[in-house]
C-alpha atoms as a PDB file:
ATOM      1  CA  MET A   1       9.908  -3.231 -12.576  1.00  0.00           C
ATOM      2  CA  LYS A   2       6.196  -3.034 -11.874  1.00  0.00           C
ATOM      3  CA  TYR A   3       4.674  -0.203  -9.833  1.00  0.00           C
ATOM      4  CA  ARG A   4       1.769   0.045  -7.447  1.00  0.00           C
ATOM      5  CA  TYR A   5      -0.239   2.927  -6.051  1.00  0.00           C
ATOM      6  CA  LEU A   6       0.553   3.526  -2.397  1.00  0.00           C
ATOM      7  CA  GLY A   7      -2.801   2.887  -0.764  1.00  0.00           C
ATOM      8  CA  GLU A   8      -5.588   5.042  -2.163  1.00  0.00           C
ATOM      9  CA  SER A   9      -3.205   7.915  -2.909  1.00  0.00           C
ATOM     10  CA  GLY A  10      -2.038   8.880  -6.385  1.00  0.00           C
ATOM     11  CA  LEU A  11       1.593   8.069  -5.528  1.00  0.00           C
ATOM     12  CA  MET A  12       3.161   5.205  -7.485  1.00  0.00           C
ATOM     13  CA  VAL A  13       6.077   3.250  -6.011  1.00  0.00           C
ATOM     14  CA  SER A  14       8.176   0.381  -7.309  1.00  0.00           C
ATOM     15  CA  ARG A  15       7.141  -3.005  -5.911  1.00  0.00           C
ATOM     16  CA  VAL A  16      10.658  -3.394  -4.538  1.00  0.00           C
ATOM     17  CA  CYS A  17      11.846  -0.596  -2.259  1.00  0.00           C
ATOM     18  CA  LEU A  18      15.514  -0.056  -1.474  1.00  0.00           C
ATOM     19  CA  GLY A  19      15.897  -0.015   2.290  1.00  0.00           C
ATOM     20  CA  ALA A  20      18.933   1.909   3.487  1.00  0.00           C
ATOM     21  CA  MET A  21      19.217   0.639   7.054  1.00  0.00           C
ATOM     22  CA  ALA A  22      22.612  -0.979   6.299  1.00  0.00           C
ATOM     23  CA  PHE A  23      24.055   2.252   4.898  1.00  0.00           C
ATOM     24  CA  GLY A  24      26.833   3.296   7.263  1.00  0.00           C
ATOM     25  CA  MET A  25      26.056   0.630   9.869  1.00  0.00           C
ATOM     26  CA  ASP A  26      29.037  -0.538  11.929  1.00  0.00           C
ATOM     27  CA  ASP A  27      30.039  -4.206  11.628  1.00  0.00           C
ATOM     28  CA  TRP A  28      27.179  -5.244   9.370  1.00  0.00           C
ATOM     29  CA  GLY A  29      26.724  -2.319   6.984  1.00  0.00           C
ATOM     30  CA  CYS A  30      28.185  -0.881   3.815  1.00  0.00           C
ATOM     31  CA  ASP A  31      30.274   2.160   2.955  1.00  0.00           C
ATOM     32  CA  GLN A  32      29.400   5.081   0.678  1.00  0.00           C
ATOM     33  CA  GLU A  33      30.924   3.505  -2.419  1.00  0.00           C
ATOM     34  CA  THR A  34      28.813   0.355  -2.046  1.00  0.00           C
ATOM     35  CA  ALA A  35      25.713   2.346  -1.116  1.00  0.00           C
ATOM     36  CA  THR A  36      26.090   4.478  -4.247  1.00  0.00           C
ATOM     37  CA  ALA A  37      26.628   1.390  -6.413  1.00  0.00           C
ATOM     38  CA  MET A  38      23.515  -0.291  -4.989  1.00  0.00           C
ATOM     39  CA  THR A  39      21.456   2.851  -5.456  1.00  0.00           C
ATOM     40  CA  ARG A  40      22.627   3.088  -9.070  1.00  0.00           C
ATOM     41  CA  ALA A  41      21.754  -0.571  -9.730  1.00  0.00           C
ATOM     42  CA  PHE A  42      18.361  -0.076  -8.085  1.00  0.00           C
ATOM     43  CA  ILE A  43      17.398   3.022 -10.081  1.00  0.00           C
ATOM     44  CA  GLU A  44      18.736   1.646 -13.357  1.00  0.00           C
ATOM     45  CA  GLY A  45      16.792  -1.542 -12.631  1.00  0.00           C
ATOM     46  CA  GLY A  46      13.553   0.460 -12.555  1.00  0.00           C
ATOM     47  CA  GLY A  47      13.253   1.160  -8.838  1.00  0.00           C
ATOM     48  CA  ASN A  48      12.068   4.570  -7.695  1.00  0.00           C
ATOM     49  CA  PHE A  49      11.338   4.029  -3.977  1.00  0.00           C
ATOM     50  CA  ILE A  50      14.055   4.449  -1.299  1.00  0.00           C
ATOM     51  CA  ASP A  51      13.371   4.135   2.429  1.00  0.00           C
ATOM     52  CA  THR A  52      15.566   5.245   5.316  1.00  0.00           C
ATOM     53  CA  ALA A  53      15.179   6.710   8.825  1.00  0.00           C
ATOM     54  CA  ASP A  54      16.878   9.381  10.864  1.00  0.00           C
ATOM     55  CA  MET A  55      18.010   6.837  13.468  1.00  0.00           C
ATOM     56  CA  TYR A  56      19.763   4.528  11.000  1.00  0.00           C
ATOM     57  CA  SER A  57      23.412   4.974  11.990  1.00  0.00           C
ATOM     58  CA  LYS A  58      22.352   8.199  13.743  1.00  0.00           C
ATOM     59  CA  GLY A  59      21.730  10.086  10.513  1.00  0.00           C
ATOM     60  CA  ILE A  60      24.578   8.647   8.452  1.00  0.00           C
ATOM     61  CA  SER A  61      22.195   6.553   6.352  1.00  0.00           C
ATOM     62  CA  GLU A  62      20.256   9.664   5.299  1.00  0.00           C
ATOM     63  CA  GLU A  63      23.500  11.436   4.420  1.00  0.00           C
ATOM     64  CA  MET A  64      24.629   8.471   2.313  1.00  0.00           C
ATOM     65  CA  VAL A  65      21.275   8.290   0.526  1.00  0.00           C
ATOM     66  CA  GLY A  66      21.535  11.993  -0.279  1.00  0.00           C
ATOM     67  CA  LYS A  67      24.989  11.533  -1.798  1.00  0.00           C
ATOM     68  CA  ALA A  68      23.936   8.385  -3.694  1.00  0.00           C
ATOM     69  CA  ILE A  69      21.069  10.113  -5.537  1.00  0.00           C
ATOM     70  CA  ARG A  70      22.919  13.299  -6.516  1.00  0.00           C
ATOM     71  CA  ASP A  71      23.295  12.269 -10.156  1.00  0.00           C
ATOM     72  CA  TYR A  72      19.594  11.497 -10.616  1.00  0.00           C
ATOM     73  CA  ASP A  73      16.503  13.636 -11.091  1.00  0.00           C
ATOM     74  CA  ARG A  74      15.126  14.087  -7.574  1.00  0.00           C
ATOM     75  CA  ASP A  75      11.554  14.327  -8.846  1.00  0.00           C
ATOM     76  CA  ASP A  76      11.797  10.842 -10.388  1.00  0.00           C
ATOM     77  CA  LEU A  77      12.368   9.312  -6.954  1.00  0.00           C
ATOM     78  CA  VAL A  78      10.150   8.630  -3.966  1.00  0.00           C
ATOM     79  CA  LEU A  79      12.164   9.264  -0.804  1.00  0.00           C
ATOM     80  CA  ALA A  80      10.843   8.007   2.523  1.00  0.00           C
ATOM     81  CA  THR A  81      12.248   8.533   5.991  1.00  0.00           C
ATOM     82  CA  LYS A  82      11.033   8.294   9.578  1.00  0.00           C
ATOM     83  CA  VAL A  83      10.898  10.071  12.935  1.00  0.00           C
ATOM     84  CA  TRP A  84      10.453   8.782  16.511  1.00  0.00           C
ATOM     85  CA  PHE A  85      13.745   7.454  17.942  1.00  0.00           C
ATOM     86  CA  ARG A  86      15.902   9.476  20.315  1.00  0.00           C
ATOM     87  CA  MET A  87      18.564  11.246  18.267  1.00  0.00           C
ATOM     88  CA  ARG A  88      20.662  12.846  21.015  1.00  0.00           C
ATOM     89  CA  ASP A  89      20.889  13.144  24.787  1.00  0.00           C
ATOM     90  CA  SER A  90      18.255  15.823  25.202  1.00  0.00           C
ATOM     91  CA  ALA A  91      14.853  15.750  26.878  1.00  0.00           C
ATOM     92  CA  ASN A  92      12.854  16.511  23.727  1.00  0.00           C
ATOM     93  CA  ALA A  93      14.984  14.873  21.024  1.00  0.00           C
ATOM     94  CA  LYS A  94      12.646  11.898  20.669  1.00  0.00           C
ATOM     95  CA  GLY A  95       9.057  10.825  20.146  1.00  0.00           C
ATOM     96  CA  LEU A  96       6.237  12.465  18.221  1.00  0.00           C
ATOM     97  CA  SER A  97       5.814  15.871  19.842  1.00  0.00           C
ATOM     98  CA  ARG A  98       5.395  18.885  17.586  1.00  0.00           C
ATOM     99  CA  LYS A  99       8.831  20.101  18.684  1.00  0.00           C
ATOM    100  CA  HIS A 100      10.650  16.905  17.809  1.00  0.00           C
ATOM    101  CA  ILE A 101       8.760  16.228  14.573  1.00  0.00           C
ATOM    102  CA  CYS A 102       9.488  19.704  13.188  1.00  0.00           C
ATOM    103  CA  GLU A 103      13.150  19.654  14.223  1.00  0.00           C
ATOM    104  CA  ALA A 104      13.659  16.082  12.996  1.00  0.00           C
ATOM    105  CA  ALA A 105      12.101  16.828   9.612  1.00  0.00           C
ATOM    106  CA  ASP A 106      14.408  19.799   9.059  1.00  0.00           C
ATOM    107  CA  ALA A 107      17.418  17.705  10.075  1.00  0.00           C
ATOM    108  CA  SER A 108      16.411  14.898   7.704  1.00  0.00           C
ATOM    109  CA  LEU A 109      15.954  17.333   4.827  1.00  0.00           C
ATOM    110  CA  LYS A 110      19.444  18.687   5.421  1.00  0.00           C
ATOM    111  CA  ARG A 111      21.041  15.250   5.586  1.00  0.00           C
ATOM    112  CA  LEU A 112      19.191  14.026   2.490  1.00  0.00           C
ATOM    113  CA  GLY A 113      20.145  17.164   0.571  1.00  0.00           C
ATOM    114  CA  THR A 114      16.596  17.786  -0.627  1.00  0.00           C
ATOM    115  CA  ASP A 115      13.867  20.315   0.032  1.00  0.00           C
ATOM    116  CA  TYR A 116      11.029  17.812   0.404  1.00  0.00           C
ATOM    117  CA  ILE A 117      10.354  14.293   1.666  1.00  0.00           C
ATOM    118  CA  ASP A 118       7.877  12.236  -0.330  1.00  0.00           C
ATOM    119  CA  LEU A 119       6.770   9.947   2.519  1.00  0.00           C
ATOM    120  CA  TYR A 120       7.370  10.965   6.142  1.00  0.00           C
ATOM    121  CA  GLN A 121       6.602   8.142   8.550  1.00  0.00           C
ATOM    122  CA  VAL A 122       6.255   7.985  12.308  1.00  0.00           C
ATOM    123  CA  HIS A 123       8.561   5.117  13.272  1.00  0.00           C
ATOM    124  CA  GLY A 124       6.506   3.874  16.229  1.00  0.00           C
ATOM    125  CA  PRO A 125       3.750   4.829  18.657  1.00  0.00           C
ATOM    126  CA  ASP A 126       4.351   7.588  21.187  1.00  0.00           C
ATOM    127  CA  TRP A 127       2.439   6.798  24.360  1.00  0.00           C
ATOM    128  CA  PHE A 128       3.223  10.224  25.853  1.00  0.00           C
ATOM    129  CA  THR A 129       2.104  12.634  23.114  1.00  0.00           C
ATOM    130  CA  PRO A 130      -1.568  13.152  22.189  1.00  0.00           C
ATOM    131  CA  MET A 131      -2.280  11.908  18.672  1.00  0.00           C
ATOM    132  CA  GLU A 132      -3.941  15.230  17.874  1.00  0.00           C
ATOM    133  CA  GLU A 133      -0.600  16.975  18.415  1.00  0.00           C
ATOM    134  CA  THR A 134       1.252  14.467  16.225  1.00  0.00           C
ATOM    135  CA  MET A 135      -1.229  14.557  13.361  1.00  0.00           C
ATOM    136  CA  ARG A 136      -1.391  18.372  13.390  1.00  0.00           C
ATOM    137  CA  ALA A 137       2.412  18.629  13.284  1.00  0.00           C
ATOM    138  CA  LEU A 138       2.582  16.208  10.349  1.00  0.00           C
ATOM    139  CA  ASP A 139      -0.158  18.130   8.555  1.00  0.00           C
ATOM    140  CA  ASP A 140       1.777  21.378   9.072  1.00  0.00           C
ATOM    141  CA  LEU A 141       4.794  19.830   7.336  1.00  0.00           C
ATOM    142  CA  VAL A 142       2.632  18.895   4.353  1.00  0.00           C
ATOM    143  CA  ARG A 143       1.119  22.374   4.162  1.00  0.00           C
ATOM    144  CA  ALA A 144       4.608  23.903   4.383  1.00  0.00           C
ATOM    145  CA  GLY A 145       5.705  21.848   1.366  1.00  0.00           C
ATOM    146  CA  LYS A 146       8.361  19.944   3.292  1.00  0.00           C
ATOM    147  CA  VAL A 147       6.471  16.624   3.109  1.00  0.00           C
ATOM    148  CA  ARG A 148       4.203  15.210   0.415  1.00  0.00           C
ATOM    149  CA  TYR A 149       2.546  12.252   2.188  1.00  0.00           C
ATOM    150  CA  ILE A 150       2.569  10.748   5.676  1.00  0.00           C
ATOM    151  CA  GLY A 151       2.605   7.178   6.946  1.00  0.00           C
ATOM    152  CA  CYS A 152       3.077   5.155  10.109  1.00  0.00           C
ATOM    153  CA  SER A 153       5.225   2.216  11.141  1.00  0.00           C
ATOM    154  CA  ASN A 154       4.843  -0.419  13.867  1.00  0.00           C
ATOM    155  CA  TYR A 155       1.431   0.893  14.929  1.00  0.00           C
ATOM    156  CA  TYR A 156      -1.316  -1.247  16.415  1.00  0.00           C
ATOM    157  CA  ALA A 157      -4.432  -1.554  14.273  1.00  0.00           C
ATOM    158  CA  TRP A 158      -6.477   0.577  16.681  1.00  0.00           C
ATOM    159  CA  GLN A 159      -3.846   3.315  16.545  1.00  0.00           C
ATOM    160  CA  ILE A 160      -3.972   3.359  12.741  1.00  0.00           C
ATOM    161  CA  VAL A 161      -7.731   3.798  12.730  1.00  0.00           C
ATOM    162  CA  LYS A 162      -7.690   6.317  15.596  1.00  0.00           C
ATOM    163  CA  ALA A 163      -5.014   8.468  13.932  1.00  0.00           C
ATOM    164  CA  ASN A 164      -6.916   8.636  10.665  1.00  0.00           C
ATOM    165  CA  GLY A 165     -10.136   9.286  12.553  1.00  0.00           C
ATOM    166  CA  ILE A 166      -8.489  12.283  14.230  1.00  0.00           C
ATOM    167  CA  ALA A 167      -7.248  13.488  10.851  1.00  0.00           C
ATOM    168  CA  GLU A 168     -10.761  13.196   9.429  1.00  0.00           C
ATOM    169  CA  ARG A 169     -12.277  15.102  12.338  1.00  0.00           C
ATOM    170  CA  MET A 170      -9.660  17.863  12.266  1.00  0.00           C
ATOM    171  CA  ASN A 171      -9.409  18.074   8.450  1.00  0.00           C
ATOM    172  CA  LEU A 172      -5.752  16.969   8.465  1.00  0.00           C
ATOM    173  CA  GLU A 173      -3.655  14.759   6.223  1.00  0.00           C
ATOM    174  CA  ARG A 174      -4.291  11.045   6.716  1.00  0.00           C
ATOM    175  CA  PHE A 175      -1.805   8.190   6.728  1.00  0.00           C
ATOM    176  CA  ILE A 176      -1.535   6.591   3.277  1.00  0.00           C
ATOM    177  CA  SER A 177       0.760   3.732   4.293  1.00  0.00           C
ATOM    178  CA  ALA A 178       1.912   1.520   7.128  1.00  0.00           C
ATOM    179  CA  GLN A 179       5.309  -0.127   7.441  1.00  0.00           C
ATOM    180  CA  HIS A 180       5.379  -3.364   9.420  1.00  0.00           C
ATOM    181  CA  MET A 181       7.345  -6.591   9.799  1.00  0.00           C
ATOM    182  CA  TYR A 182       5.791  -9.148   7.452  1.00  0.00           C
ATOM    183  CA  ASN A 183       7.181 -12.284   5.891  1.00  0.00           C
ATOM    184  CA  LEU A 184       6.363 -15.966   5.394  1.00  0.00           C
ATOM    185  CA  VAL A 185       7.448 -16.837   8.922  1.00  0.00           C
ATOM    186  CA  ARG A 186       6.057 -13.838  10.833  1.00  0.00           C
ATOM    187  CA  ARG A 187       2.491 -13.234   9.658  1.00  0.00           C
ATOM    188  CA  ASP A 188       1.170 -11.475  12.773  1.00  0.00           C
ATOM    189  CA  ILE A 189      -0.229  -8.487  10.870  1.00  0.00           C
ATOM    190  CA  GLU A 190      -2.731 -10.657   8.970  1.00  0.00           C
ATOM    191  CA  ARG A 191      -4.983 -10.760  12.033  1.00  0.00           C
ATOM    192  CA  GLU A 192      -5.701  -7.073  12.609  1.00  0.00           C
ATOM    193  CA  ILE A 193      -3.237  -4.689  10.969  1.00  0.00           C
ATOM    194  CA  LEU A 194      -3.636  -5.663   7.305  1.00  0.00           C
ATOM    195  CA  PRO A 195      -7.449  -5.554   7.531  1.00  0.00           C
ATOM    196  CA  ALA A 196      -7.231  -2.163   9.260  1.00  0.00           C
ATOM    197  CA  CYS A 197      -5.005  -0.822   6.480  1.00  0.00           C
ATOM    198  CA  ALA A 198      -7.377  -2.154   3.831  1.00  0.00           C
ATOM    199  CA  ASP A 199     -10.284  -0.432   5.589  1.00  0.00           C
ATOM    200  CA  GLN A 200      -8.338   2.838   5.786  1.00  0.00           C
ATOM    201  CA  GLY A 201      -7.151   2.737   2.160  1.00  0.00           C
ATOM    202  CA  MET A 202      -3.511   2.397   3.203  1.00  0.00           C
ATOM    203  CA  GLY A 203      -0.755   0.474   1.431  1.00  0.00           C
ATOM    204  CA  MET A 204       1.412  -1.967   3.369  1.00  0.00           C
ATOM    205  CA  LEU A 205       5.202  -1.656   3.183  1.00  0.00           C
ATOM    206  CA  CYS A 206       6.873  -4.829   4.418  1.00  0.00           C
ATOM    207  CA  TRP A 207      10.065  -4.561   6.411  1.00  0.00           C
ATOM    208  CA  SER A 208      12.146  -7.686   6.980  1.00  0.00           C
ATOM    209  CA  PRO A 209      10.427  -9.417   4.025  1.00  0.00           C
ATOM    210  CA  LEU A 210      13.184 -12.054   4.034  1.00  0.00           C
ATOM    211  CA  GLY A 211      13.212 -12.472   7.793  1.00  0.00           C
ATOM    212  CA  GLY A 212      16.601 -10.829   8.245  1.00  0.00           C
ATOM    213  CA  GLY A 213      17.958 -13.083   5.498  1.00  0.00           C
ATOM    214  CA  PHE A 214      16.476 -16.225   7.082  1.00  0.00           C
ATOM    215  CA  LEU A 215      14.380 -16.923   3.972  1.00  0.00           C
ATOM    216  CA  SER A 216      17.343 -16.548   1.601  1.00  0.00           C
ATOM    217  CA  GLY A 217      18.092 -20.256   1.832  1.00  0.00           C
ATOM    218  CA  ARG A 218      21.549 -20.005   3.375  1.00  0.00           C
ATOM    219  CA  TYR A 219      20.542 -21.276   6.828  1.00  0.00           C
ATOM    220  CA  LYS A 220      20.186 -24.979   7.663  1.00  0.00           C
ATOM    221  CA  ARG A 221      18.091 -26.787  10.245  1.00  0.00           C
ATOM    222  CA  GLY A 222      20.121 -27.800  13.263  1.00  0.00           C
ATOM    223  CA  GLU A 223      23.063 -25.526  12.433  1.00  0.00           C
ATOM    224  CA  ASP A 224      24.067 -22.201  13.958  1.00  0.00           C
ATOM    225  CA  PRO A 225      23.965 -19.114  11.691  1.00  0.00           C
ATOM    226  CA  PRO A 226      27.268 -18.770   9.769  1.00  0.00           C
ATOM    227  CA  GLU A 227      29.717 -16.246  11.147  1.00  0.00           C
ATOM    228  CA  GLY A 228      29.431 -12.918   9.370  1.00  0.00           C
ATOM    229  CA  SER A 229      25.769 -13.442   8.482  1.00  0.00           C
ATOM    230  CA  ARG A 230      23.091 -10.977   9.486  1.00  0.00           C
ATOM    231  CA  LEU A 231      21.430 -13.488  11.799  1.00  0.00           C
ATOM    232  CA  ALA A 232      24.761 -14.103  13.532  1.00  0.00           C
ATOM    233  CA  PHE A 233      25.178 -10.350  13.990  1.00  0.00           C
ATOM    234  CA  ARG A 234      21.606  -9.903  15.296  1.00  0.00           C
ATOM    235  CA  LYS A 235      21.227 -13.133  17.282  1.00  0.00           C
ATOM    236  CA  ALA A 236      19.416 -11.553  20.199  1.00  0.00           C
ATOM    237  CA  VAL A 237      16.700 -10.139  17.914  1.00  0.00           C
ATOM    238  CA  ASP A 238      16.353 -12.448  14.926  1.00  0.00           C
ATOM    239  CA  ILE A 239      16.990 -15.925  16.362  1.00  0.00           C
ATOM    240  CA  PRO A 240      13.835 -15.800  18.552  1.00  0.00           C
ATOM    241  CA  ARG A 241      11.849 -14.371  15.627  1.00  0.00           C
ATOM    242  CA  TYR A 242      12.719 -16.912  12.960  1.00  0.00           C
ATOM    243  CA  TYR A 243      15.034 -19.757  13.995  1.00  0.00           C
ATOM    244  CA  GLY A 244      12.718 -22.691  14.776  1.00  0.00           C
ATOM    245  CA  ASP A 245      11.182 -25.820  13.290  1.00  0.00           C
ATOM    246  CA  THR A 246       8.228 -24.017  11.721  1.00  0.00           C
ATOM    247  CA  GLY A 247      10.588 -21.516  10.116  1.00  0.00           C
ATOM    248  CA  PHE A 248      12.664 -24.284   8.589  1.00  0.00           C
ATOM    249  CA  ASP A 249       9.499 -26.039   7.369  1.00  0.00           C
ATOM    250  CA  VAL A 250       8.738 -22.850   5.443  1.00  0.00           C
ATOM    251  CA  ILE A 251      12.301 -22.626   4.103  1.00  0.00           C
ATOM    252  CA  GLU A 252      12.145 -26.177   2.753  1.00  0.00           C
ATOM    253  CA  GLU A 253       8.922 -25.497   0.849  1.00  0.00           C
ATOM    254  CA  VAL A 254      10.317 -22.203  -0.456  1.00  0.00           C
ATOM    255  CA  ALA A 255      13.332 -24.140  -1.766  1.00  0.00           C
ATOM    256  CA  LYS A 256      11.035 -26.593  -3.598  1.00  0.00           C
ATOM    257  CA  VAL A 257       9.105 -23.795  -5.302  1.00  0.00           C
ATOM    258  CA  ALA A 258      12.385 -22.077  -6.167  1.00  0.00           C
ATOM    259  CA  GLN A 259      13.684 -25.214  -7.839  1.00  0.00           C
ATOM    260  CA  GLU A 260      10.454 -25.669  -9.795  1.00  0.00           C
ATOM    261  CA  THR A 261      10.432 -22.097 -11.068  1.00  0.00           C
ATOM    262  CA  GLY A 262      14.149 -21.548 -11.578  1.00  0.00           C
ATOM    263  CA  LYS A 263      14.063 -18.639  -9.122  1.00  0.00           C
ATOM    264  CA  SER A 264      16.036 -18.050  -5.938  1.00  0.00           C
ATOM    265  CA  PRO A 265      14.489 -18.626  -2.486  1.00  0.00           C
ATOM    266  CA  SER A 266      14.656 -14.870  -1.851  1.00  0.00           C
ATOM    267  CA  GLN A 267      12.673 -14.137  -5.007  1.00  0.00           C
ATOM    268  CA  ILE A 268      10.024 -16.693  -3.989  1.00  0.00           C
ATOM    269  CA  ALA A 269       9.680 -15.204  -0.488  1.00  0.00           C
ATOM    270  CA  LEU A 270       9.284 -11.677  -1.878  1.00  0.00           C
ATOM    271  CA  ALA A 271       6.832 -12.812  -4.545  1.00  0.00           C
ATOM    272  CA  TRP A 272       4.668 -14.457  -1.878  1.00  0.00           C
ATOM    273  CA  LEU A 273       4.226 -11.067  -0.201  1.00  0.00           C
ATOM    274  CA  LEU A 274       3.569  -9.227  -3.463  1.00  0.00           C
ATOM    275  CA  HIS A 275       0.809 -11.677  -4.382  1.00  0.00           C
ATOM    276  CA  ASP A 276      -1.307  -9.791  -1.835  1.00  0.00           C
ATOM    277  CA  ARG A 277      -2.588  -6.573  -3.390  1.00  0.00           C
ATOM    278  CA  ARG A 278      -2.797  -4.934   0.004  1.00  0.00           C
ATOM    279  CA  VAL A 279       1.014  -4.939  -0.089  1.00  0.00           C
ATOM    280  CA  ALA A 280       2.369  -1.915  -1.951  1.00  0.00           C
ATOM    281  CA  ALA A 281       6.080  -2.766  -1.740  1.00  0.00           C
ATOM    282  CA  VAL A 282       8.633  -5.001  -0.066  1.00  0.00           C
ATOM    283  CA  ILE A 283      11.608  -3.238   1.521  1.00  0.00           C
ATOM    284  CA  VAL A 284      14.875  -5.047   0.862  1.00  0.00           C
ATOM    285  CA  GLY A 285      17.957  -4.040   2.831  1.00  0.00           C
ATOM    286  CA  PRO A 286      20.993  -5.429   1.003  1.00  0.00           C
ATOM    287  CA  ARG A 287      24.597  -4.679   1.796  1.00  0.00           C
ATOM    288  CA  ARG A 288      25.979  -5.884  -1.539  1.00  0.00           C
ATOM    289  CA  VAL A 289      25.018  -5.153  -5.141  1.00  0.00           C
ATOM    290  CA  ASP A 290      24.545  -8.829  -6.045  1.00  0.00           C
ATOM    291  CA  HIS A 291      22.073  -9.249  -3.176  1.00  0.00           C
ATOM    292  CA  LEU A 292      20.078  -6.308  -4.509  1.00  0.00           C
ATOM    293  CA  GLU A 293      20.095  -7.567  -8.096  1.00  0.00           C
ATOM    294  CA  ASN A 294      18.722 -10.899  -6.920  1.00  0.00           C
ATOM    295  CA  SER A 295      15.834  -9.182  -5.134  1.00  0.00           C
ATOM    296  CA  LEU A 296      15.022  -6.824  -8.009  1.00  0.00           C
ATOM    297  CA  GLU A 297      13.640  -9.639 -10.144  1.00  0.00           C
ATOM    298  CA  ALA A 298      10.732  -9.963  -7.715  1.00  0.00           C
ATOM    299  CA  GLY A 299       9.657  -6.507  -8.860  1.00  0.00           C
ATOM    300  CA  ASP A 300       8.592  -7.915 -12.221  1.00  0.00           C
ATOM    301  CA  TRP A 301       7.694 -11.568 -11.538  1.00  0.00           C
ATOM    302  CA  SER A 302       4.774 -13.178  -9.731  1.00  0.00           C
ATOM    303  CA  LEU A 303       3.867 -16.505  -8.178  1.00  0.00           C
ATOM    304  CA  SER A 304       0.920 -18.479  -9.472  1.00  0.00           C
ATOM    305  CA  ASP A 305      -2.144 -18.748  -7.233  1.00  0.00           C
ATOM    306  CA  GLU A 306      -1.336 -22.426  -6.618  1.00  0.00           C
ATOM    307  CA  GLN A 307       2.253 -21.706  -5.591  1.00  0.00           C
ATOM    308  CA  HIS A 308       1.123 -18.925  -3.289  1.00  0.00           C
ATOM    309  CA  GLU A 309      -1.444 -21.202  -1.659  1.00  0.00           C
ATOM    310  CA  ARG A 310       1.125 -23.969  -1.141  1.00  0.00           C
ATOM    311  CA  LEU A 311       3.448 -21.635   0.712  1.00  0.00           C
ATOM    312  CA  THR A 312       0.625 -20.097   2.728  1.00  0.00           C
ATOM    313  CA  LYS A 313      -0.421 -23.507   4.041  1.00  0.00           C
ATOM    314  CA  VAL A 314       3.002 -24.871   5.012  1.00  0.00           C
ATOM    315  CA  VAL A 315       2.470 -23.759   8.600  1.00  0.00           C
ATOM    316  CA  GLU A 316      -0.985 -23.360  10.074  1.00  0.00           C
ATOM    317  CA  PHE A 317      -1.607 -19.721  10.914  1.00  0.00           C
ATOM    318  CA  PRO A 318      -4.441 -19.456  13.432  1.00  0.00           C
ATOM    319  CA  ASP A 319      -6.618 -16.417  12.903  1.00  0.00           C
ATOM    320  CA  GLY A 320      -7.835 -16.579  16.471  1.00  0.00           C
ATOM    321  CA  TYR A 321     -10.746 -14.758  18.032  1.00  0.00           C
ATOM    322  CA  PRO A 322     -12.805 -12.856  16.943  1.00  0.00           C
ATOM    323  CA  PHE A 323     -12.246 -13.914  13.319  1.00  0.00           C
ATOM    324  CA  GLU A 324     -13.112 -17.553  14.088  1.00  0.00           C
ATOM    325  CA  TRP A 325     -16.363 -16.522  15.765  1.00  0.00           C
ATOM    326  CA  VAL A 326     -17.299 -14.147  12.940  1.00  0.00           C
ATOM    327  CA  THR A 327     -16.614 -16.853  10.327  1.00  0.00           C
ATOM    328  CA  LEU A 328     -18.826 -19.356  12.141  1.00  0.00           C
ATOM    329  CA  SER A 329     -21.605 -16.819  12.659  1.00  0.00           C
ATOM    330  CA  PHE A 330     -21.540 -14.903   9.362  1.00  0.00           C
ATOM    331  CA  LYS A 331     -24.280 -17.029   7.792  1.00  0.00           C
ATOM    332  CA  ASN A 332     -26.706 -15.522  10.296  1.00  0.00           C
ATOM    333  CA  ILE A 333     -26.495 -12.095   8.664  1.00  0.00           C
ATOM    334  CA  GLY A 334     -25.317 -12.884   5.118  1.00  0.00           C
ATOM    335  CA  GLY A 335     -26.301 -15.094   2.223  1.00  0.00           C
ATOM    336  CA  GLY A 336     -29.827 -13.912   1.410  1.00  0.00           C
ATOM    337  CA  GLU A 337     -28.812 -10.994  -0.789  1.00  0.00           C
ATOM    338  CA  ASP A 338     -28.876 -11.103  -4.604  1.00  0.00           C
ATOM    339  CA  PHE A 339     -25.336  -9.662  -4.603  1.00  0.00           C
ATOM    340  CA  PRO A 340     -23.202  -7.780  -2.051  1.00  0.00           C
ATOM    341  CA  PRO A 341     -23.690  -3.994  -1.911  1.00  0.00           C
ATOM    342  CA  ALA A 342     -21.108  -1.760  -3.565  1.00  0.00           C
ATOM    343  CA  HIS A 343     -19.601  -0.744  -0.229  1.00  0.00           C
ATOM    344  CA  TYR A 344     -18.993  -4.349   0.859  1.00  0.00           C
ATOM    345  CA  ARG A 345     -15.461  -5.674   0.797  1.00  0.00           C
ATOM    346  CA  ASP A 346     -13.850  -8.630   2.474  1.00  0.00           C
ATOM    347  CA  LEU A 347     -10.952  -7.039   4.308  1.00  0.00           C
ATOM    348  CA  ARG A 348      -9.070 -10.349   4.308  1.00  0.00           C
ATOM    349  CA  ASP A 349      -9.272 -10.668   0.523  1.00  0.00           C
ATOM    350  CA  ARG A 350      -5.735 -10.656  -0.876  1.00  0.00           C
ATOM    351  CA  THR A 351      -6.873  -9.917  -4.418  1.00  0.00           C
END
């Protein structure tokens, strides 16, 4: 397993992160025995990064993670969880207020059976709470020793930059990571969010890196998702996201590269993400040990530049405005220098 620094922090995480969303989930999840077996296989395979959230199965996932890691040295692991979703039928048991953040952190610590969280992430934007209040509450948790680092998830690019700007102004902890949906079919974050994270020195953590299993190779064009599959269970969410002609065009090219390299389609899809150095880790959410073992190989294997480029160009991804305008106009302000200044960096550069 290879490791990467999480953004510009000193924290190193395994390139493959074990996502625990399926732990304890009804209908499409796994029980404690399977969760413990997967956690064991992950750690013994070199993984050190485990991600969960308080809302996954209403806290059961955190409890199962805590039980699964009991036999391992806590300090060897990087535990991440999240706050934002409503946890009970109470006026303040949701969002990113100081009250909810502090109460949710204590509840997560108890369920995880630990006295600190390595990466505490806000699970989404709170339109009702001032960012100053949120960032101060998160900073207080760091200063109290309950949290080591903070991150965000599902934020807009402007919110990422604004939050870190507030932290800079108020001398508070800054976000070191962002967790967003990113895969070969859904590349939305390439337009604004990835460049914003690069500018802010933040590492990207990719959720749904296999498109809810769509990129695993088990789904066929013109056929409904097999019964019992994740896409069949989450039709309302994942069918609109992935199930279309362009998605299947990507799958077919992934299958070709897989055959050429002797890898599985899942390994190819994960390796495509990890080719981008702005990506710190891919979060895989298996419900069986064999699914996890298949994904783990991506933690130590990489695509060639040519293979990455082939997959990138299967479906045209329009950058849109203003990137198109800037690209056409850049020659008006650049090109006369002997070499770029030290502070210059192309925020779209994957390397």
